[in-house]
């Protein structure tokens, strides 16, 4: 099987603190691989181990996203490609998907594209869906388990995690699939794997390499624009201790909640 895994470099939200707010983190904070994408990498590796083939990582980002790709290589991926170009700056999910789809076509024939359910920074859940549409490929979202896959017959059956339960669906390959954390437990790379991955070359493709022009990607190719991003207003917390017996405190609490129209 030829598997392509889409990954993204995102801010490390564990670093949010009184000394670093969300805007500072987005601008210059430390970066990690999108946690949801680790499940996508793991599933790609498991499929390769079961059916043979290769796993290629694909990332769109700044030049330092090479380190994120090397994390995935250390987990066991065979190859990695970075799409990086100043013309990509300011792109919405569709402009991003357009570049990713062009890169997938440049990589060549594939059986499965896997991505995490969303990214922890944007959280729009749209990029992988748009990639599938641009590739005219089947799209399987919120996959919690692969029930069956036949690379020779080009078929796959998955279990999707829904709000009210689980849904089993089948599809032809090639397909684009997004996964949730219930699908597996990502492996940790060994020290030797990390050292080996650090020495690997990661090719960097520009917009021109993808056969696209500046008007199709980045801010120029976007339909959604963010003119300004602000932090929400700070809310002052107040604590009030209700005195009295348990019954008196409960009644006072209910009265207060009714007065504030919370209940």
C-alpha atoms as a PDB file:
ATOM      1  CA  UNK A   1       0.000   0.000   0.000  1.00  0.00           C
ATOM      2  CA  UNK A   2       1.102   3.541  -0.699  1.00  0.00           C
ATOM      3  CA  UNK A   3      -0.015   5.727   2.178  1.00  0.00           C
ATOM      4  CA  UNK A   4       0.328   9.497   2.499  1.00  0.00           C
ATOM      5  CA  UNK A   5      -0.118  11.070   5.926  1.00  0.00           C
ATOM      6  CA  UNK A   6      -0.929  14.773   6.220  1.00  0.00           C
ATOM      7  CA  UNK A   7       0.625  16.426   9.260  1.00  0.00           C
ATOM      8  CA  UNK A   8       0.849  19.962  10.581  1.00  0.00           C
ATOM      9  CA  UNK A   9       3.184  21.863  12.860  1.00  0.00           C
ATOM     10  CA  UNK A  10       1.190  23.659  15.572  1.00  0.00           C
ATOM     11  CA  UNK A  11       1.865  25.754  18.680  1.00  0.00           C
ATOM     12  CA  UNK A  12       2.513  23.756  21.848  1.00  0.00           C
ATOM     13  CA  UNK A  13      -0.595  24.687  23.831  1.00  0.00           C
ATOM     14  CA  UNK A  14       0.861  23.041  26.940  1.00  0.00           C
ATOM     15  CA  UNK A  15       3.042  26.154  27.183  1.00  0.00           C
ATOM     16  CA  UNK A  16       0.104  28.510  27.738  1.00  0.00           C
ATOM     17  CA  UNK A  17       0.585  30.312  31.045  1.00  0.00           C
ATOM     18  CA  UNK A  18       0.361  33.662  32.768  1.00  0.00           C
ATOM     19  CA  UNK A  19       3.564  34.578  30.962  1.00  0.00           C
ATOM     20  CA  UNK A  20       2.484  33.460  27.466  1.00  0.00           C
ATOM     21  CA  UNK A  21      -1.001  34.020  26.084  1.00  0.00           C
ATOM     22  CA  UNK A  22      -2.502  32.502  22.977  1.00  0.00           C
ATOM     23  CA  UNK A  23      -1.468  35.286  20.599  1.00  0.00           C
ATOM     24  CA  UNK A  24       2.147  35.145  21.793  1.00  0.00           C
ATOM     25  CA  UNK A  25       2.106  31.368  21.421  1.00  0.00           C
ATOM     26  CA  UNK A  26       0.783  31.586  17.862  1.00  0.00           C
ATOM     27  CA  UNK A  27       3.367  34.205  16.924  1.00  0.00           C
ATOM     28  CA  UNK A  28       6.575  32.848  18.380  1.00  0.00           C
ATOM     29  CA  UNK A  29       5.935  30.033  20.826  1.00  0.00           C
ATOM     30  CA  UNK A  30       7.364  26.503  20.677  1.00  0.00           C
ATOM     31  CA  UNK A  31       6.028  24.152  18.005  1.00  0.00           C
ATOM     32  CA  UNK A  32       5.056  20.477  18.027  1.00  0.00           C
ATOM     33  CA  UNK A  33       3.445  17.993  15.681  1.00  0.00           C
ATOM     34  CA  UNK A  34      -0.339  18.319  15.767  1.00  0.00           C
ATOM     35  CA  UNK A  35      -1.355  15.697  18.377  1.00  0.00           C
ATOM     36  CA  UNK A  36      -4.205  14.353  16.246  1.00  0.00           C
ATOM     37  CA  UNK A  37      -1.751  13.696  13.414  1.00  0.00           C
ATOM     38  CA  UNK A  38       0.262  11.288  15.559  1.00  0.00           C
ATOM     39  CA  UNK A  39      -2.708   8.912  15.421  1.00  0.00           C
ATOM     40  CA  UNK A  40      -2.750   9.273  11.627  1.00  0.00           C
ATOM     41  CA  UNK A  41       0.956   8.418  11.411  1.00  0.00           C
ATOM     42  CA  UNK A  42       0.519   5.411  13.689  1.00  0.00           C
ATOM     43  CA  UNK A  43      -2.358   4.059  11.612  1.00  0.00           C
ATOM     44  CA  UNK A  44      -0.322   4.459   8.442  1.00  0.00           C
ATOM     45  CA  UNK A  45       2.555   2.540  10.007  1.00  0.00           C
ATOM     46  CA  UNK A  46       0.243  -0.245  11.177  1.00  0.00           C
ATOM     47  CA  UNK A  47      -1.214  -0.606   7.676  1.00  0.00           C
ATOM     48  CA  UNK A  48       2.268  -0.742   6.151  1.00  0.00           C
ATOM     49  CA  UNK A  49       3.321  -3.406   8.655  1.00  0.00           C
ATOM     50  CA  UNK A  50       0.249  -5.489   7.823  1.00  0.00           C
ATOM     51  CA  UNK A  51       0.159  -5.046   4.046  1.00  0.00           C
ATOM     52  CA  UNK A  52       3.578  -3.743   2.974  1.00  0.00           C
ATOM     53  CA  UNK A  53       4.209  -0.583   1.018  1.00  0.00           C
ATOM     54  CA  UNK A  54       5.354   2.827   2.201  1.00  0.00           C
ATOM     55  CA  UNK A  55       4.315   5.777   4.358  1.00  0.00           C
ATOM     56  CA  UNK A  56       5.056   9.303   3.119  1.00  0.00           C
ATOM     57  CA  UNK A  57       4.531  12.320   5.372  1.00  0.00           C
ATOM     58  CA  UNK A  58       3.345  15.574   3.805  1.00  0.00           C
ATOM     59  CA  UNK A  59       3.368  18.923   5.596  1.00  0.00           C
ATOM     60  CA  UNK A  60       2.683  22.505   4.569  1.00  0.00           C
ATOM     61  CA  UNK A  61       4.468  25.029   6.729  1.00  0.00           C
ATOM     62  CA  UNK A  62       7.487  27.213   7.388  1.00  0.00           C
ATOM     63  CA  UNK A  63      11.034  25.876   6.926  1.00  0.00           C
ATOM     64  CA  UNK A  64      11.304  24.895  10.599  1.00  0.00           C
ATOM     65  CA  UNK A  65       8.462  22.402  10.081  1.00  0.00           C
ATOM     66  CA  UNK A  66      11.216  20.039   8.878  1.00  0.00           C
ATOM     67  CA  UNK A  67      11.731  19.189  12.555  1.00  0.00           C
ATOM     68  CA  UNK A  68       8.099  18.176  12.843  1.00  0.00           C
ATOM     69  CA  UNK A  69       8.475  15.893   9.828  1.00  0.00           C
ATOM     70  CA  UNK A  70      11.575  14.334  11.358  1.00  0.00           C
ATOM     71  CA  UNK A  71       9.531  13.460  14.423  1.00  0.00           C
ATOM     72  CA  UNK A  72       7.243  11.463  12.125  1.00  0.00           C
ATOM     73  CA  UNK A  73      10.227   9.889  10.391  1.00  0.00           C
ATOM     74  CA  UNK A  74      11.531   8.839  13.788  1.00  0.00           C
ATOM     75  CA  UNK A  75       8.224   7.091  14.439  1.00  0.00           C
ATOM     76  CA  UNK A  76       8.895   4.978  11.351  1.00  0.00           C
ATOM     77  CA  UNK A  77       7.666   6.771   8.222  1.00  0.00           C
ATOM     78  CA  UNK A  78       9.651   6.086   5.048  1.00  0.00           C
ATOM     79  CA  UNK A  79       9.741   9.542   3.474  1.00  0.00           C
ATOM     80  CA  UNK A  80       8.686  13.119   4.154  1.00  0.00           C
ATOM     81  CA  UNK A  81       7.986  16.164   2.001  1.00  0.00           C
ATOM     82  CA  UNK A  82       7.623  19.776   3.124  1.00  0.00           C
ATOM     83  CA  UNK A  83       5.679  22.358   1.127  1.00  0.00           C
ATOM     84  CA  UNK A  84       7.119  25.738   2.027  1.00  0.00           C
ATOM     85  CA  UNK A  85       6.941  29.035   0.187  1.00  0.00           C
ATOM     86  CA  UNK A  86       6.350  32.654   1.275  1.00  0.00           C
ATOM     87  CA  UNK A  87       3.428  32.743  -1.172  1.00  0.00           C
ATOM     88  CA  UNK A  88       1.562  30.248   1.033  1.00  0.00           C
ATOM     89  CA  UNK A  89       1.297  32.693   3.955  1.00  0.00           C
ATOM     90  CA  UNK A  90      -2.189  33.647   5.088  1.00  0.00           C
ATOM     91  CA  UNK A  91      -3.954  30.793   3.342  1.00  0.00           C
ATOM     92  CA  UNK A  92      -7.342  29.505   4.509  1.00  0.00           C
ATOM     93  CA  UNK A  93      -8.217  25.807   4.593  1.00  0.00           C
ATOM     94  CA  UNK A  94      -9.157  25.726   0.889  1.00  0.00           C
ATOM     95  CA  UNK A  95      -5.924  27.373  -0.255  1.00  0.00           C
ATOM     96  CA  UNK A  96      -4.011  24.961   1.963  1.00  0.00           C
ATOM     97  CA  UNK A  97      -5.948  21.992   0.609  1.00  0.00           C
ATOM     98  CA  UNK A  98      -5.226  23.124  -2.937  1.00  0.00           C
ATOM     99  CA  UNK A  99      -1.471  22.993  -2.289  1.00  0.00           C
ATOM    100  CA  UNK A 100      -1.698  19.657  -0.468  1.00  0.00           C
ATOM    101  CA  UNK A 101      -3.760  18.094  -3.255  1.00  0.00           C
ATOM    102  CA  UNK A 102      -1.253  19.281  -5.865  1.00  0.00           C
ATOM    103  CA  UNK A 103       1.582  17.773  -3.818  1.00  0.00           C
ATOM    104  CA  UNK A 104      -0.262  14.462  -3.516  1.00  0.00           C
ATOM    105  CA  UNK A 105      -0.686  14.371  -7.284  1.00  0.00           C
ATOM    106  CA  UNK A 106       3.027  15.125  -7.662  1.00  0.00           C
ATOM    107  CA  UNK A 107       3.910  12.257  -5.299  1.00  0.00           C
ATOM    108  CA  UNK A 108       1.917   9.943  -7.536  1.00  0.00           C
ATOM    109  CA  UNK A 109      -0.562   7.095  -7.235  1.00  0.00           C
ATOM    110  CA  UNK A 110      -1.669   6.364  -3.672  1.00  0.00           C
ATOM    111  CA  UNK A 111      -4.074   4.059  -1.865  1.00  0.00           C
ATOM    112  CA  UNK A 112      -4.909   6.079   1.217  1.00  0.00           C
ATOM    113  CA  UNK A 113      -4.399   9.606   2.532  1.00  0.00           C
ATOM    114  CA  UNK A 114      -4.690   9.798   6.320  1.00  0.00           C
ATOM    115  CA  UNK A 115      -4.998  12.888   8.512  1.00  0.00           C
ATOM    116  CA  UNK A 116      -5.937  13.707  12.081  1.00  0.00           C
ATOM    117  CA  UNK A 117      -9.524  14.801  12.707  1.00  0.00           C
ATOM    118  CA  UNK A 118      -8.447  18.456  12.955  1.00  0.00           C
ATOM    119  CA  UNK A 119      -5.596  20.704  14.065  1.00  0.00           C
ATOM    120  CA  UNK A 120      -5.473  22.127  17.575  1.00  0.00           C
ATOM    121  CA  UNK A 121      -4.760  25.656  16.328  1.00  0.00           C
ATOM    122  CA  UNK A 122      -7.328  26.222  13.560  1.00  0.00           C
ATOM    123  CA  UNK A 123      -9.765  23.462  14.501  1.00  0.00           C
ATOM    124  CA  UNK A 124     -11.935  23.955  11.406  1.00  0.00           C
ATOM    125  CA  UNK A 125     -12.090  20.230  10.481  1.00  0.00           C
ATOM    126  CA  UNK A 126     -12.187  21.238   6.794  1.00  0.00           C
ATOM    127  CA  UNK A 127      -8.756  20.790   5.190  1.00  0.00           C
ATOM    128  CA  UNK A 128      -8.782  17.008   4.721  1.00  0.00           C
ATOM    129  CA  UNK A 129     -12.377  17.127   3.447  1.00  0.00           C
ATOM    130  CA  UNK A 130     -11.376  19.735   0.862  1.00  0.00           C
ATOM    131  CA  UNK A 131      -8.321  17.690  -0.140  1.00  0.00           C
ATOM    132  CA  UNK A 132     -10.619  14.735  -0.823  1.00  0.00           C
ATOM    133  CA  UNK A 133     -12.925  16.901  -2.915  1.00  0.00           C
ATOM    134  CA  UNK A 134     -10.042  18.329  -4.951  1.00  0.00           C
ATOM    135  CA  UNK A 135      -8.680  14.820  -5.574  1.00  0.00           C
ATOM    136  CA  UNK A 136     -12.168  13.473  -6.375  1.00  0.00           C
ATOM    137  CA  UNK A 137     -11.489  10.747  -3.791  1.00  0.00           C
ATOM    138  CA  UNK A 138     -13.814   9.085  -1.308  1.00  0.00           C
ATOM    139  CA  UNK A 139     -13.763  10.765   2.113  1.00  0.00           C
ATOM    140  CA  UNK A 140     -14.043   8.873   5.405  1.00  0.00           C
ATOM    141  CA  UNK A 141     -14.154  11.077   8.516  1.00  0.00           C
ATOM    142  CA  UNK A 142     -13.914  10.445  12.281  1.00  0.00           C
ATOM    143  CA  UNK A 143     -12.600   6.919  11.772  1.00  0.00           C
ATOM    144  CA  UNK A 144     -12.219   5.045  15.070  1.00  0.00           C
ATOM    145  CA  UNK A 145     -11.295   1.641  13.587  1.00  0.00           C
ATOM    146  CA  UNK A 146     -10.456   0.007  10.283  1.00  0.00           C
ATOM    147  CA  UNK A 147     -12.592  -3.124  10.196  1.00  0.00           C
ATOM    148  CA  UNK A 148     -11.282  -4.522   6.923  1.00  0.00           C
ATOM    149  CA  UNK A 149      -9.052  -3.451   4.060  1.00  0.00           C
ATOM    150  CA  UNK A 150      -8.238  -5.273   0.819  1.00  0.00           C
ATOM    151  CA  UNK A 151      -5.430  -3.527  -1.099  1.00  0.00           C
ATOM    152  CA  UNK A 152      -5.832  -5.882  -4.075  1.00  0.00           C
ATOM    153  CA  UNK A 153      -9.582  -5.314  -4.410  1.00  0.00           C
ATOM    154  CA  UNK A 154      -9.154  -1.620  -3.491  1.00  0.00           C
ATOM    155  CA  UNK A 155     -11.797  -1.666  -0.766  1.00  0.00           C
ATOM    156  CA  UNK A 156     -11.905  -0.497   2.850  1.00  0.00           C
ATOM    157  CA  UNK A 157     -14.469  -0.798   5.654  1.00  0.00           C
ATOM    158  CA  UNK A 158     -14.216   1.516   8.652  1.00  0.00           C
ATOM    159  CA  UNK A 159     -16.057   2.340  11.835  1.00  0.00           C
ATOM    160  CA  UNK A 160     -16.859   6.021  12.279  1.00  0.00           C
ATOM    161  CA  UNK A 161     -17.294   7.613  15.704  1.00  0.00           C
ATOM    162  CA  UNK A 162     -20.569   9.554  15.740  1.00  0.00           C
ATOM    163  CA  UNK A 163     -22.250  11.602  18.465  1.00  0.00           C
ATOM    164  CA  UNK A 164     -24.945   9.006  19.018  1.00  0.00           C
ATOM    165  CA  UNK A 165     -22.920   5.836  18.402  1.00  0.00           C
ATOM    166  CA  UNK A 166     -20.772   4.244  15.724  1.00  0.00           C
ATOM    167  CA  UNK A 167     -21.350   3.835  12.003  1.00  0.00           C
ATOM    168  CA  UNK A 168     -19.781   1.205   9.734  1.00  0.00           C
ATOM    169  CA  UNK A 169     -19.199   2.250   6.128  1.00  0.00           C
ATOM    170  CA  UNK A 170     -17.354   0.768   3.150  1.00  0.00           C
ATOM    171  CA  UNK A 171     -15.592   2.557   0.329  1.00  0.00           C
ATOM    172  CA  UNK A 172     -13.431   2.066  -2.701  1.00  0.00           C
ATOM    173  CA  UNK A 173      -9.784   3.068  -2.607  1.00  0.00           C
ATOM    174  CA  UNK A 174      -8.108   5.483  -3.065  1.00  0.00           C
ATOM    175  CA  UNK A 175      -9.669   7.449  -0.216  1.00  0.00           C
ATOM    176  CA  UNK A 176      -8.933  10.256   2.209  1.00  0.00           C
ATOM    177  CA  UNK A 177      -9.475   9.342   5.849  1.00  0.00           C
ATOM    178  CA  UNK A 178      -9.440  11.373   9.068  1.00  0.00           C
ATOM    179  CA  UNK A 179      -8.942   9.548  12.360  1.00  0.00           C
ATOM    180  CA  UNK A 180      -9.826  10.067  16.022  1.00  0.00           C
ATOM    181  CA  UNK A 181      -7.776   9.064  19.061  1.00  0.00           C
ATOM    182  CA  UNK A 182      -9.795   5.896  19.660  1.00  0.00           C
ATOM    183  CA  UNK A 183      -8.180   4.283  16.618  1.00  0.00           C
ATOM    184  CA  UNK A 184      -4.785   3.465  18.216  1.00  0.00           C
ATOM    185  CA  UNK A 185      -2.031   4.474  20.615  1.00  0.00           C
ATOM    186  CA  UNK A 186       0.857   6.289  18.862  1.00  0.00           C
ATOM    187  CA  UNK A 187       4.278   4.727  19.392  1.00  0.00           C
ATOM    188  CA  UNK A 188       7.258   6.532  20.873  1.00  0.00           C
ATOM    189  CA  UNK A 189      10.408   6.621  18.725  1.00  0.00           C
ATOM    190  CA  UNK A 190      13.569   5.202  20.210  1.00  0.00           C
ATOM    191  CA  UNK A 191      16.736   7.250  20.661  1.00  0.00           C
ATOM    192  CA  UNK A 192      18.324   5.452  17.709  1.00  0.00           C
ATOM    193  CA  UNK A 193      15.293   6.153  15.514  1.00  0.00           C
ATOM    194  CA  UNK A 194      15.469   9.837  16.434  1.00  0.00           C
ATOM    195  CA  UNK A 195      19.160   9.994  15.525  1.00  0.00           C
ATOM    196  CA  UNK A 196      18.552   8.181  12.238  1.00  0.00           C
ATOM    197  CA  UNK A 197      15.660  10.489  11.325  1.00  0.00           C
ATOM    198  CA  UNK A 198      17.757  13.566  12.085  1.00  0.00           C
ATOM    199  CA  UNK A 199      20.130  12.602   9.266  1.00  0.00           C
ATOM    200  CA  UNK A 200      17.411  12.149   6.638  1.00  0.00           C
ATOM    201  CA  UNK A 201      16.945  14.710   3.894  1.00  0.00           C
ATOM    202  CA  UNK A 202      13.502  16.260   3.579  1.00  0.00           C
ATOM    203  CA  UNK A 203      12.780  17.757   0.137  1.00  0.00           C
ATOM    204  CA  UNK A 204      11.105  21.162   0.149  1.00  0.00           C
ATOM    205  CA  UNK A 205       8.627  21.959  -2.632  1.00  0.00           C
ATOM    206  CA  UNK A 206       7.664  25.489  -3.625  1.00  0.00           C
ATOM    207  CA  UNK A 207       4.418  26.680  -5.175  1.00  0.00           C
ATOM    208  CA  UNK A 208       6.089  26.562  -8.592  1.00  0.00           C
ATOM    209  CA  UNK A 209       7.181  22.964  -7.980  1.00  0.00           C
ATOM    210  CA  UNK A 210       3.511  22.078  -7.520  1.00  0.00           C
ATOM    211  CA  UNK A 211       2.500  23.671 -10.811  1.00  0.00           C
ATOM    212  CA  UNK A 212       0.404  26.311  -9.043  1.00  0.00           C
ATOM    213  CA  UNK A 213       0.516  30.079  -9.280  1.00  0.00           C
ATOM    214  CA  UNK A 214       0.436  32.653  -6.502  1.00  0.00           C
ATOM    215  CA  UNK A 215      -3.245  33.429  -7.073  1.00  0.00           C
ATOM    216  CA  UNK A 216      -4.265  29.897  -6.113  1.00  0.00           C
ATOM    217  CA  UNK A 217      -2.620  29.683  -2.702  1.00  0.00           C
ATOM    218  CA  UNK A 218      -1.956  31.730   0.403  1.00  0.00           C
ATOM    219  CA  UNK A 219      -3.929  34.884   1.105  1.00  0.00           C
ATOM    220  CA  UNK A 220      -4.445  35.517  -2.633  1.00  0.00           C
ATOM    221  CA  UNK A 221      -6.150  32.151  -3.092  1.00  0.00           C
ATOM    222  CA  UNK A 222      -8.267  32.316   0.065  1.00  0.00           C
ATOM    223  CA  UNK A 223     -11.969  33.017   0.427  1.00  0.00           C
ATOM    224  CA  UNK A 224     -11.774  33.540   4.197  1.00  0.00           C
ATOM    225  CA  UNK A 225      -9.649  36.315   5.680  1.00  0.00           C
ATOM    226  CA  UNK A 226      -8.914  37.211   9.300  1.00  0.00           C
ATOM    227  CA  UNK A 227      -8.492  40.973   9.435  1.00  0.00           C
ATOM    228  CA  UNK A 228      -7.778  40.973  13.158  1.00  0.00           C
ATOM    229  CA  UNK A 229      -7.435  38.446  15.968  1.00  0.00           C
ATOM    230  CA  UNK A 230      -7.906  39.516  19.593  1.00  0.00           C
ATOM    231  CA  UNK A 231      -7.918  37.782  22.935  1.00  0.00           C
ATOM    232  CA  UNK A 232     -11.324  37.565  24.653  1.00  0.00           C
ATOM    233  CA  UNK A 233     -11.860  40.138  27.419  1.00  0.00           C
ATOM    234  CA  UNK A 234     -10.546  39.155  30.832  1.00  0.00           C
ATOM    235  CA  UNK A 235     -13.239  38.127  33.293  1.00  0.00           C
ATOM    236  CA  UNK A 236     -12.787  38.761  36.983  1.00  0.00           C
ATOM    237  CA  UNK A 237     -13.768  35.798  39.115  1.00  0.00           C
ATOM    238  CA  UNK A 238     -15.644  36.266  42.396  1.00  0.00           C
ATOM    239  CA  UNK A 239     -16.087  33.718  45.136  1.00  0.00           C
ATOM    240  CA  UNK A 240     -18.855  33.856  47.719  1.00  0.00           C
ATOM    241  CA  UNK A 241     -19.125  31.439  50.650  1.00  0.00           C
ATOM    242  CA  UNK A 242     -22.694  30.577  51.624  1.00  0.00           C
ATOM    243  CA  UNK A 243     -23.056  30.265  55.385  1.00  0.00           C
ATOM    244  CA  UNK A 244     -25.527  28.098  57.269  1.00  0.00           C
ATOM    245  CA  UNK A 245     -26.618  24.484  57.286  1.00  0.00           C
ATOM    246  CA  UNK A 246     -26.539  22.306  54.193  1.00  0.00           C
ATOM    247  CA  UNK A 247     -30.258  22.892  53.641  1.00  0.00           C
ATOM    248  CA  UNK A 248     -29.920  26.661  54.090  1.00  0.00           C
ATOM    249  CA  UNK A 249     -26.890  26.829  51.787  1.00  0.00           C
ATOM    250  CA  UNK A 250     -28.656  24.754  49.121  1.00  0.00           C
ATOM    251  CA  UNK A 251     -31.725  27.010  49.224  1.00  0.00           C
ATOM    252  CA  UNK A 252     -29.569  30.142  49.061  1.00  0.00           C
ATOM    253  CA  UNK A 253     -27.643  28.707  46.108  1.00  0.00           C
ATOM    254  CA  UNK A 254     -30.835  27.888  44.199  1.00  0.00           C
ATOM    255  CA  UNK A 255     -32.223  31.362  44.888  1.00  0.00           C
ATOM    256  CA  UNK A 256     -29.013  32.961  43.638  1.00  0.00           C
ATOM    257  CA  UNK A 257     -28.947  30.806  40.454  1.00  0.00           C
ATOM    258  CA  UNK A 258     -32.580  31.724  39.755  1.00  0.00           C
ATOM    259  CA  UNK A 259     -31.853  35.397  40.301  1.00  0.00           C
ATOM    260  CA  UNK A 260     -28.905  35.248  37.883  1.00  0.00           C
ATOM    261  CA  UNK A 261     -31.115  33.345  35.404  1.00  0.00           C
ATOM    262  CA  UNK A 262     -28.643  30.467  35.269  1.00  0.00           C
ATOM    263  CA  UNK A 263     -31.484  28.033  35.944  1.00  0.00           C
END
